[in-house]
N, C-alpha and C. Protein backbone atom coordinates (compact mmCIF):
# COMPACT_ATOMS: atom_id res chain seq x y z
N MET A 1 -37.62 -48.08 36.60
CA MET A 1 -37.18 -47.21 35.55
C MET A 1 -35.99 -47.85 34.84
N THR A 2 -35.95 -47.74 33.54
CA THR A 2 -34.85 -48.32 32.79
C THR A 2 -34.12 -47.23 32.03
N GLU A 3 -32.96 -47.59 31.53
CA GLU A 3 -32.17 -46.68 30.73
C GLU A 3 -32.82 -46.45 29.37
N ASP A 4 -33.67 -47.38 28.95
CA ASP A 4 -34.24 -47.34 27.62
C ASP A 4 -35.54 -46.56 27.52
N GLY A 5 -36.05 -46.01 28.56
CA GLY A 5 -37.28 -45.24 28.47
C GLY A 5 -38.25 -45.56 29.57
N PRO A 6 -39.54 -45.49 29.23
CA PRO A 6 -40.56 -45.69 30.26
C PRO A 6 -40.59 -47.13 30.78
N VAL A 7 -41.15 -47.26 31.97
CA VAL A 7 -41.31 -48.57 32.60
C VAL A 7 -42.72 -49.07 32.31
N ILE A 8 -42.85 -50.34 32.00
CA ILE A 8 -44.17 -50.95 31.80
C ILE A 8 -44.42 -51.89 32.96
N ARG A 9 -45.45 -51.60 33.73
CA ARG A 9 -45.81 -52.46 34.87
C ARG A 9 -46.93 -53.40 34.41
N HIS A 10 -46.72 -54.69 34.62
CA HIS A 10 -47.72 -55.70 34.27
C HIS A 10 -48.43 -56.16 35.54
N PHE A 11 -49.75 -56.31 35.44
CA PHE A 11 -50.54 -56.74 36.59
C PHE A 11 -51.05 -58.15 36.35
N SER A 12 -51.42 -58.83 37.45
CA SER A 12 -51.85 -60.23 37.37
C SER A 12 -53.11 -60.42 36.53
N ASP A 13 -53.94 -59.40 36.38
CA ASP A 13 -55.16 -59.53 35.58
C ASP A 13 -54.90 -59.35 34.08
N GLY A 14 -53.60 -59.21 33.70
CA GLY A 14 -53.26 -59.08 32.29
C GLY A 14 -53.16 -57.63 31.83
N SER A 15 -53.59 -56.70 32.65
CA SER A 15 -53.49 -55.30 32.25
C SER A 15 -52.07 -54.79 32.51
N PHE A 16 -51.80 -53.63 31.99
CA PHE A 16 -50.48 -53.04 32.21
C PHE A 16 -50.62 -51.52 32.30
N GLU A 17 -49.56 -50.92 32.80
CA GLU A 17 -49.53 -49.47 32.96
C GLU A 17 -48.16 -48.99 32.48
N VAL A 18 -48.15 -47.92 31.70
CA VAL A 18 -46.89 -47.33 31.24
C VAL A 18 -46.58 -46.14 32.13
N VAL A 19 -45.43 -46.20 32.80
CA VAL A 19 -45.00 -45.11 33.67
C VAL A 19 -43.91 -44.35 32.93
N PRO A 20 -44.16 -43.08 32.62
CA PRO A 20 -43.15 -42.34 31.85
C PRO A 20 -41.84 -42.19 32.63
N GLU A 21 -40.77 -42.09 31.88
CA GLU A 21 -39.45 -41.91 32.49
C GLU A 21 -39.41 -40.55 33.19
N ARG A 22 -38.86 -40.54 34.38
CA ARG A 22 -38.73 -39.31 35.16
C ARG A 22 -37.59 -38.48 34.57
N PRO A 23 -37.81 -37.17 34.39
CA PRO A 23 -36.71 -36.34 33.89
C PRO A 23 -35.54 -36.36 34.87
N ARG A 24 -34.34 -36.42 34.34
CA ARG A 24 -33.16 -36.45 35.20
C ARG A 24 -32.74 -35.04 35.59
N ASN A 25 -32.20 -34.92 36.80
CA ASN A 25 -31.72 -33.61 37.23
C ASN A 25 -30.28 -33.42 36.74
N LYS A 26 -29.74 -32.22 36.98
CA LYS A 26 -28.40 -31.87 36.50
C LYS A 26 -27.33 -32.81 37.05
N GLY A 27 -27.46 -33.19 38.32
CA GLY A 27 -26.49 -34.10 38.92
C GLY A 27 -26.47 -35.45 38.23
N GLU A 28 -27.65 -35.97 37.91
CA GLU A 28 -27.73 -37.27 37.23
C GLU A 28 -27.13 -37.18 35.82
N LEU A 29 -27.37 -36.05 35.14
CA LEU A 29 -26.82 -35.87 33.80
C LEU A 29 -25.29 -35.77 33.85
N LEU A 30 -24.76 -35.04 34.85
CA LEU A 30 -23.31 -34.93 35.00
C LEU A 30 -22.68 -36.28 35.33
N LYS A 31 -23.36 -37.06 36.17
CA LYS A 31 -22.85 -38.38 36.50
C LYS A 31 -22.81 -39.27 35.26
N GLU A 32 -23.87 -39.21 34.45
CA GLU A 32 -23.90 -40.01 33.22
C GLU A 32 -22.81 -39.56 32.26
N ALA A 33 -22.56 -38.25 32.18
CA ALA A 33 -21.49 -37.74 31.31
C ALA A 33 -20.13 -38.24 31.79
N ALA A 34 -19.90 -38.23 33.11
CA ALA A 34 -18.63 -38.71 33.65
C ALA A 34 -18.45 -40.20 33.37
N LEU A 35 -19.53 -40.96 33.50
CA LEU A 35 -19.46 -42.40 33.23
C LEU A 35 -19.25 -42.69 31.75
N ALA A 36 -19.51 -41.68 30.89
CA ALA A 36 -19.34 -41.86 29.45
C ALA A 36 -17.89 -41.70 29.00
N VAL A 37 -17.03 -41.19 29.87
CA VAL A 37 -15.63 -40.93 29.48
C VAL A 37 -14.94 -42.19 28.95
N PRO A 38 -15.04 -43.35 29.63
CA PRO A 38 -14.38 -44.55 29.05
C PRO A 38 -14.93 -44.90 27.67
N HIS A 39 -16.23 -44.71 27.47
CA HIS A 39 -16.82 -44.99 26.16
C HIS A 39 -16.30 -44.00 25.11
N LEU A 40 -16.09 -42.76 25.54
CA LEU A 40 -15.55 -41.75 24.63
C LEU A 40 -14.12 -42.11 24.23
N VAL A 41 -13.32 -42.60 25.16
CA VAL A 41 -11.95 -43.00 24.85
C VAL A 41 -11.96 -44.15 23.83
N VAL A 42 -12.85 -45.11 24.02
CA VAL A 42 -12.96 -46.23 23.06
C VAL A 42 -13.40 -45.71 21.69
N LEU A 43 -14.40 -44.82 21.67
CA LEU A 43 -14.88 -44.25 20.41
C LEU A 43 -13.75 -43.53 19.69
N LEU A 44 -12.99 -42.70 20.42
CA LEU A 44 -11.89 -41.97 19.78
C LEU A 44 -10.83 -42.92 19.24
N GLY A 45 -10.51 -43.96 20.00
CA GLY A 45 -9.54 -44.95 19.52
C GLY A 45 -10.00 -45.61 18.24
N ARG A 46 -11.26 -45.97 18.19
CA ARG A 46 -11.79 -46.62 16.98
C ARG A 46 -11.83 -45.67 15.79
N LEU A 47 -12.18 -44.40 16.06
CA LEU A 47 -12.19 -43.43 14.97
C LEU A 47 -10.78 -43.16 14.46
N LEU A 48 -9.82 -43.09 15.36
CA LEU A 48 -8.44 -42.85 14.94
C LEU A 48 -7.88 -44.04 14.14
N ALA A 49 -8.38 -45.23 14.41
CA ALA A 49 -7.93 -46.42 13.68
C ALA A 49 -8.70 -46.65 12.39
N ASP A 50 -9.81 -45.96 12.21
CA ASP A 50 -10.67 -46.15 11.05
C ASP A 50 -10.05 -45.53 9.80
N PRO A 51 -9.89 -46.33 8.73
CA PRO A 51 -9.29 -45.78 7.50
C PRO A 51 -10.19 -44.77 6.79
N ASP A 52 -11.49 -44.75 7.09
CA ASP A 52 -12.40 -43.81 6.44
C ASP A 52 -12.35 -42.41 7.05
N VAL A 53 -11.76 -42.28 8.22
CA VAL A 53 -11.66 -40.97 8.86
C VAL A 53 -10.52 -40.20 8.18
N PRO A 54 -10.81 -38.97 7.73
CA PRO A 54 -9.75 -38.19 7.05
C PRO A 54 -8.51 -38.02 7.93
N LYS A 55 -7.36 -38.17 7.30
CA LYS A 55 -6.09 -38.07 8.02
C LYS A 55 -5.95 -36.73 8.73
N LYS A 56 -6.43 -35.67 8.10
CA LYS A 56 -6.34 -34.32 8.69
C LYS A 56 -7.06 -34.28 10.03
N ARG A 57 -8.22 -34.93 10.13
CA ARG A 57 -8.98 -34.94 11.38
C ARG A 57 -8.25 -35.74 12.46
N LYS A 58 -7.59 -36.81 12.05
CA LYS A 58 -6.81 -37.60 13.01
C LYS A 58 -5.63 -36.79 13.54
N VAL A 59 -4.95 -36.08 12.65
CA VAL A 59 -3.82 -35.26 13.06
C VAL A 59 -4.28 -34.16 14.00
N LEU A 60 -5.39 -33.51 13.67
CA LEU A 60 -5.95 -32.45 14.52
C LEU A 60 -6.25 -32.99 15.92
N ALA A 61 -6.87 -34.16 15.99
CA ALA A 61 -7.18 -34.75 17.29
C ALA A 61 -5.89 -35.08 18.06
N GLY A 62 -4.89 -35.60 17.37
CA GLY A 62 -3.62 -35.92 18.01
C GLY A 62 -2.91 -34.67 18.52
N VAL A 63 -2.92 -33.60 17.73
CA VAL A 63 -2.30 -32.34 18.16
C VAL A 63 -3.04 -31.78 19.38
N ALA A 64 -4.37 -31.84 19.36
CA ALA A 64 -5.15 -31.34 20.49
C ALA A 64 -4.85 -32.13 21.76
N MET A 65 -4.77 -33.45 21.64
CA MET A 65 -4.46 -34.28 22.81
C MET A 65 -3.05 -33.99 23.32
N ALA A 66 -2.10 -33.81 22.41
CA ALA A 66 -0.72 -33.49 22.82
C ALA A 66 -0.68 -32.13 23.51
N TYR A 67 -1.43 -31.16 22.99
CA TYR A 67 -1.46 -29.83 23.59
C TYR A 67 -2.01 -29.88 25.02
N VAL A 68 -3.04 -30.67 25.22
CA VAL A 68 -3.66 -30.76 26.54
C VAL A 68 -2.69 -31.35 27.57
N VAL A 69 -1.91 -32.34 27.19
CA VAL A 69 -0.99 -32.96 28.15
C VAL A 69 0.37 -32.26 28.20
N SER A 70 0.61 -31.36 27.26
CA SER A 70 1.90 -30.66 27.22
C SER A 70 1.99 -29.61 28.33
N PRO A 71 3.20 -29.36 28.82
CA PRO A 71 3.37 -28.33 29.85
C PRO A 71 3.29 -26.91 29.28
N TRP A 72 3.34 -26.75 27.96
CA TRP A 72 3.28 -25.42 27.34
C TRP A 72 1.85 -25.10 26.96
N ASP A 73 1.44 -23.89 27.27
CA ASP A 73 0.07 -23.44 26.98
C ASP A 73 0.10 -22.03 26.41
N LEU A 74 -0.86 -21.74 25.55
CA LEU A 74 -1.05 -20.35 25.11
C LEU A 74 -1.53 -19.51 26.29
N LEU A 75 -2.42 -20.08 27.06
CA LEU A 75 -2.91 -19.44 28.29
C LEU A 75 -2.47 -20.31 29.46
N PRO A 76 -1.54 -19.84 30.27
CA PRO A 76 -1.02 -20.68 31.37
C PRO A 76 -2.12 -21.16 32.31
N ASP A 77 -1.97 -22.40 32.76
CA ASP A 77 -2.95 -22.99 33.67
C ASP A 77 -3.01 -22.27 35.01
N ALA A 78 -1.98 -21.46 35.31
CA ALA A 78 -1.97 -20.71 36.57
C ALA A 78 -3.03 -19.62 36.60
N ILE A 79 -3.50 -19.20 35.42
CA ILE A 79 -4.56 -18.20 35.36
C ILE A 79 -5.86 -18.92 35.74
N PRO A 80 -6.50 -18.50 36.84
CA PRO A 80 -7.71 -19.20 37.28
C PRO A 80 -8.77 -19.28 36.18
N PHE A 81 -9.39 -20.43 36.07
CA PHE A 81 -10.47 -20.75 35.13
C PHE A 81 -10.02 -20.68 33.68
N ILE A 82 -9.58 -19.52 33.20
CA ILE A 82 -9.25 -19.35 31.79
C ILE A 82 -8.08 -20.22 31.38
N GLY A 83 -7.16 -20.47 32.30
CA GLY A 83 -6.00 -21.30 31.99
C GLY A 83 -6.35 -22.72 31.61
N ARG A 84 -7.45 -23.22 32.12
CA ARG A 84 -7.90 -24.59 31.79
C ARG A 84 -8.88 -24.61 30.62
N VAL A 85 -9.57 -23.50 30.42
CA VAL A 85 -10.62 -23.46 29.39
C VAL A 85 -10.04 -23.66 28.00
N ASP A 86 -8.86 -23.09 27.72
CA ASP A 86 -8.31 -23.25 26.37
C ASP A 86 -8.06 -24.71 26.05
N ASP A 87 -7.59 -25.48 27.02
CA ASP A 87 -7.37 -26.91 26.81
C ASP A 87 -8.68 -27.63 26.49
N ILE A 88 -9.68 -27.35 27.29
CA ILE A 88 -10.98 -28.02 27.14
C ILE A 88 -11.63 -27.67 25.81
N VAL A 89 -11.60 -26.38 25.46
CA VAL A 89 -12.24 -25.93 24.21
C VAL A 89 -11.53 -26.53 23.00
N LEU A 90 -10.21 -26.52 23.01
CA LEU A 90 -9.46 -27.08 21.88
C LEU A 90 -9.74 -28.58 21.74
N LEU A 91 -9.72 -29.29 22.85
CA LEU A 91 -9.98 -30.73 22.81
C LEU A 91 -11.41 -31.02 22.35
N ALA A 92 -12.37 -30.26 22.87
CA ALA A 92 -13.77 -30.44 22.45
C ALA A 92 -13.93 -30.19 20.96
N ALA A 93 -13.30 -29.13 20.45
CA ALA A 93 -13.41 -28.82 19.02
C ALA A 93 -12.79 -29.94 18.17
N ALA A 94 -11.65 -30.45 18.60
CA ALA A 94 -11.00 -31.52 17.85
C ALA A 94 -11.85 -32.79 17.85
N ILE A 95 -12.42 -33.13 19.00
CA ILE A 95 -13.29 -34.31 19.08
C ILE A 95 -14.53 -34.11 18.22
N HIS A 96 -15.10 -32.90 18.28
CA HIS A 96 -16.30 -32.60 17.48
C HIS A 96 -16.01 -32.80 15.99
N HIS A 97 -14.89 -32.26 15.51
CA HIS A 97 -14.56 -32.40 14.09
C HIS A 97 -14.24 -33.84 13.72
N LEU A 98 -13.63 -34.58 14.64
CA LEU A 98 -13.34 -35.99 14.38
C LEU A 98 -14.65 -36.78 14.26
N ILE A 99 -15.57 -36.57 15.18
CA ILE A 99 -16.85 -37.29 15.16
C ILE A 99 -17.66 -36.91 13.92
N LYS A 100 -17.63 -35.63 13.56
CA LYS A 100 -18.42 -35.17 12.40
C LYS A 100 -17.82 -35.58 11.06
N SER A 101 -16.60 -36.15 11.08
CA SER A 101 -15.95 -36.52 9.83
C SER A 101 -16.42 -37.88 9.30
N VAL A 102 -17.24 -38.57 10.06
CA VAL A 102 -17.76 -39.87 9.63
C VAL A 102 -19.28 -39.88 9.74
N PRO A 103 -19.94 -40.78 9.02
CA PRO A 103 -21.40 -40.85 9.13
C PRO A 103 -21.85 -41.18 10.56
N GLU A 104 -23.00 -40.66 10.92
CA GLU A 104 -23.55 -40.86 12.26
C GLU A 104 -23.71 -42.35 12.58
N GLU A 105 -24.05 -43.17 11.59
CA GLU A 105 -24.22 -44.60 11.82
C GLU A 105 -22.93 -45.25 12.30
N LYS A 106 -21.80 -44.79 11.76
CA LYS A 106 -20.51 -45.35 12.16
C LYS A 106 -20.21 -44.98 13.61
N VAL A 107 -20.49 -43.73 13.97
CA VAL A 107 -20.28 -43.30 15.36
C VAL A 107 -21.14 -44.15 16.28
N ASN A 108 -22.40 -44.37 15.90
CA ASN A 108 -23.30 -45.19 16.72
C ASN A 108 -22.79 -46.63 16.84
N ASP A 109 -22.22 -47.16 15.77
CA ASP A 109 -21.67 -48.52 15.81
C ASP A 109 -20.47 -48.61 16.75
N TYR A 110 -19.65 -47.58 16.76
CA TYR A 110 -18.44 -47.57 17.59
C TYR A 110 -18.72 -47.23 19.06
N TRP A 111 -19.83 -46.58 19.33
CA TRP A 111 -20.17 -46.15 20.69
C TRP A 111 -20.69 -47.33 21.50
N GLU A 112 -20.12 -47.56 22.70
CA GLU A 112 -20.54 -48.68 23.53
C GLU A 112 -21.47 -48.28 24.66
N GLY A 113 -21.60 -46.99 24.91
CA GLY A 113 -22.45 -46.51 26.00
C GLY A 113 -23.89 -46.37 25.57
N SER A 114 -24.68 -45.76 26.44
CA SER A 114 -26.09 -45.55 26.12
C SER A 114 -26.25 -44.43 25.10
N GLU A 115 -27.37 -44.42 24.44
CA GLU A 115 -27.66 -43.38 23.46
C GLU A 115 -27.74 -42.01 24.14
N ASP A 116 -28.31 -41.98 25.35
CA ASP A 116 -28.37 -40.73 26.11
C ASP A 116 -26.97 -40.19 26.40
N ALA A 117 -26.06 -41.07 26.77
CA ALA A 117 -24.69 -40.64 27.08
C ALA A 117 -24.01 -40.08 25.83
N LEU A 118 -24.25 -40.70 24.68
CA LEU A 118 -23.69 -40.19 23.43
C LEU A 118 -24.26 -38.81 23.12
N ASP A 119 -25.55 -38.63 23.36
CA ASP A 119 -26.16 -37.31 23.14
C ASP A 119 -25.53 -36.26 24.05
N ILE A 120 -25.27 -36.63 25.30
CA ILE A 120 -24.65 -35.70 26.25
C ILE A 120 -23.24 -35.35 25.77
N VAL A 121 -22.46 -36.36 25.40
CA VAL A 121 -21.09 -36.13 24.93
C VAL A 121 -21.11 -35.26 23.67
N ALA A 122 -22.01 -35.57 22.73
CA ALA A 122 -22.10 -34.78 21.50
C ALA A 122 -22.45 -33.32 21.81
N GLY A 123 -23.34 -33.12 22.76
CA GLY A 123 -23.70 -31.76 23.15
C GLY A 123 -22.54 -31.02 23.78
N ILE A 124 -21.77 -31.70 24.61
CA ILE A 124 -20.62 -31.07 25.27
C ILE A 124 -19.55 -30.69 24.25
N VAL A 125 -19.23 -31.60 23.33
CA VAL A 125 -18.18 -31.28 22.35
C VAL A 125 -18.66 -30.22 21.36
N GLN A 126 -19.96 -30.20 21.06
CA GLN A 126 -20.51 -29.15 20.20
C GLN A 126 -20.39 -27.80 20.91
N TRP A 127 -20.74 -27.78 22.20
CA TRP A 127 -20.65 -26.55 22.99
C TRP A 127 -19.21 -26.05 23.04
N GLY A 128 -18.28 -26.95 23.29
CA GLY A 128 -16.87 -26.56 23.32
C GLY A 128 -16.39 -26.04 21.99
N SER A 129 -16.83 -26.68 20.92
CA SER A 129 -16.46 -26.23 19.58
C SER A 129 -17.03 -24.85 19.29
N ASP A 130 -18.25 -24.62 19.75
CA ASP A 130 -18.89 -23.32 19.52
C ASP A 130 -18.19 -22.19 20.28
N LEU A 131 -17.48 -22.51 21.36
CA LEU A 131 -16.75 -21.50 22.12
C LEU A 131 -15.46 -21.06 21.42
N MET A 132 -15.02 -21.88 20.49
CA MET A 132 -13.79 -21.57 19.75
C MET A 132 -14.03 -20.31 18.92
N PRO A 133 -13.07 -19.38 18.88
CA PRO A 133 -13.24 -18.18 18.04
C PRO A 133 -13.48 -18.56 16.58
N ARG A 134 -14.34 -17.80 15.92
CA ARG A 134 -14.75 -18.12 14.54
C ARG A 134 -13.56 -18.34 13.60
N PRO A 135 -12.53 -17.49 13.60
CA PRO A 135 -11.41 -17.75 12.66
C PRO A 135 -10.74 -19.10 12.91
N VAL A 136 -10.60 -19.48 14.16
CA VAL A 136 -9.98 -20.77 14.48
C VAL A 136 -10.93 -21.89 14.05
N ARG A 137 -12.22 -21.72 14.32
CA ARG A 137 -13.22 -22.72 13.90
C ARG A 137 -13.17 -22.92 12.39
N ASN A 138 -13.09 -21.81 11.64
CA ASN A 138 -13.03 -21.91 10.18
C ASN A 138 -11.76 -22.64 9.72
N LEU A 139 -10.66 -22.37 10.40
CA LEU A 139 -9.40 -23.03 10.08
C LEU A 139 -9.51 -24.53 10.34
N LEU A 140 -10.13 -24.90 11.46
CA LEU A 140 -10.28 -26.33 11.80
C LEU A 140 -11.23 -27.05 10.85
N SER A 141 -12.17 -26.33 10.26
CA SER A 141 -13.18 -26.95 9.41
C SER A 141 -12.70 -27.21 8.00
N MET A 142 -11.54 -26.67 7.66
CA MET A 142 -11.02 -26.83 6.29
C MET A 142 -10.72 -28.27 5.98
């Protein structure tokens, strides 16, 4: 099995067989998403350095990153589950808006991981952005 899709088995008589890619389970998808983090950091660095990315999107991403590492929170981290969710949702929304501010081809050029990993990351940041309350989402989209 390869990362690129189905496996083609070649036989000595010249024939071949195409074996479809096995669907991955949740654990495999989570592992691939975790392995995509370094690629995401590289992508974000390249997008932040790109002159075509709107300055507002860069500032938003910087503010979100500062908020996540800051000791001050709107929802304290001591509150189980919810205390961490605000950080994750804000960061996901900022990354989503940063990625969406440039053409898809540019994102693909800057991405060093597999296409599947990029799809997983895009899905996660879209999901996080969708969790953001509509008024905040509208404010971020301006």
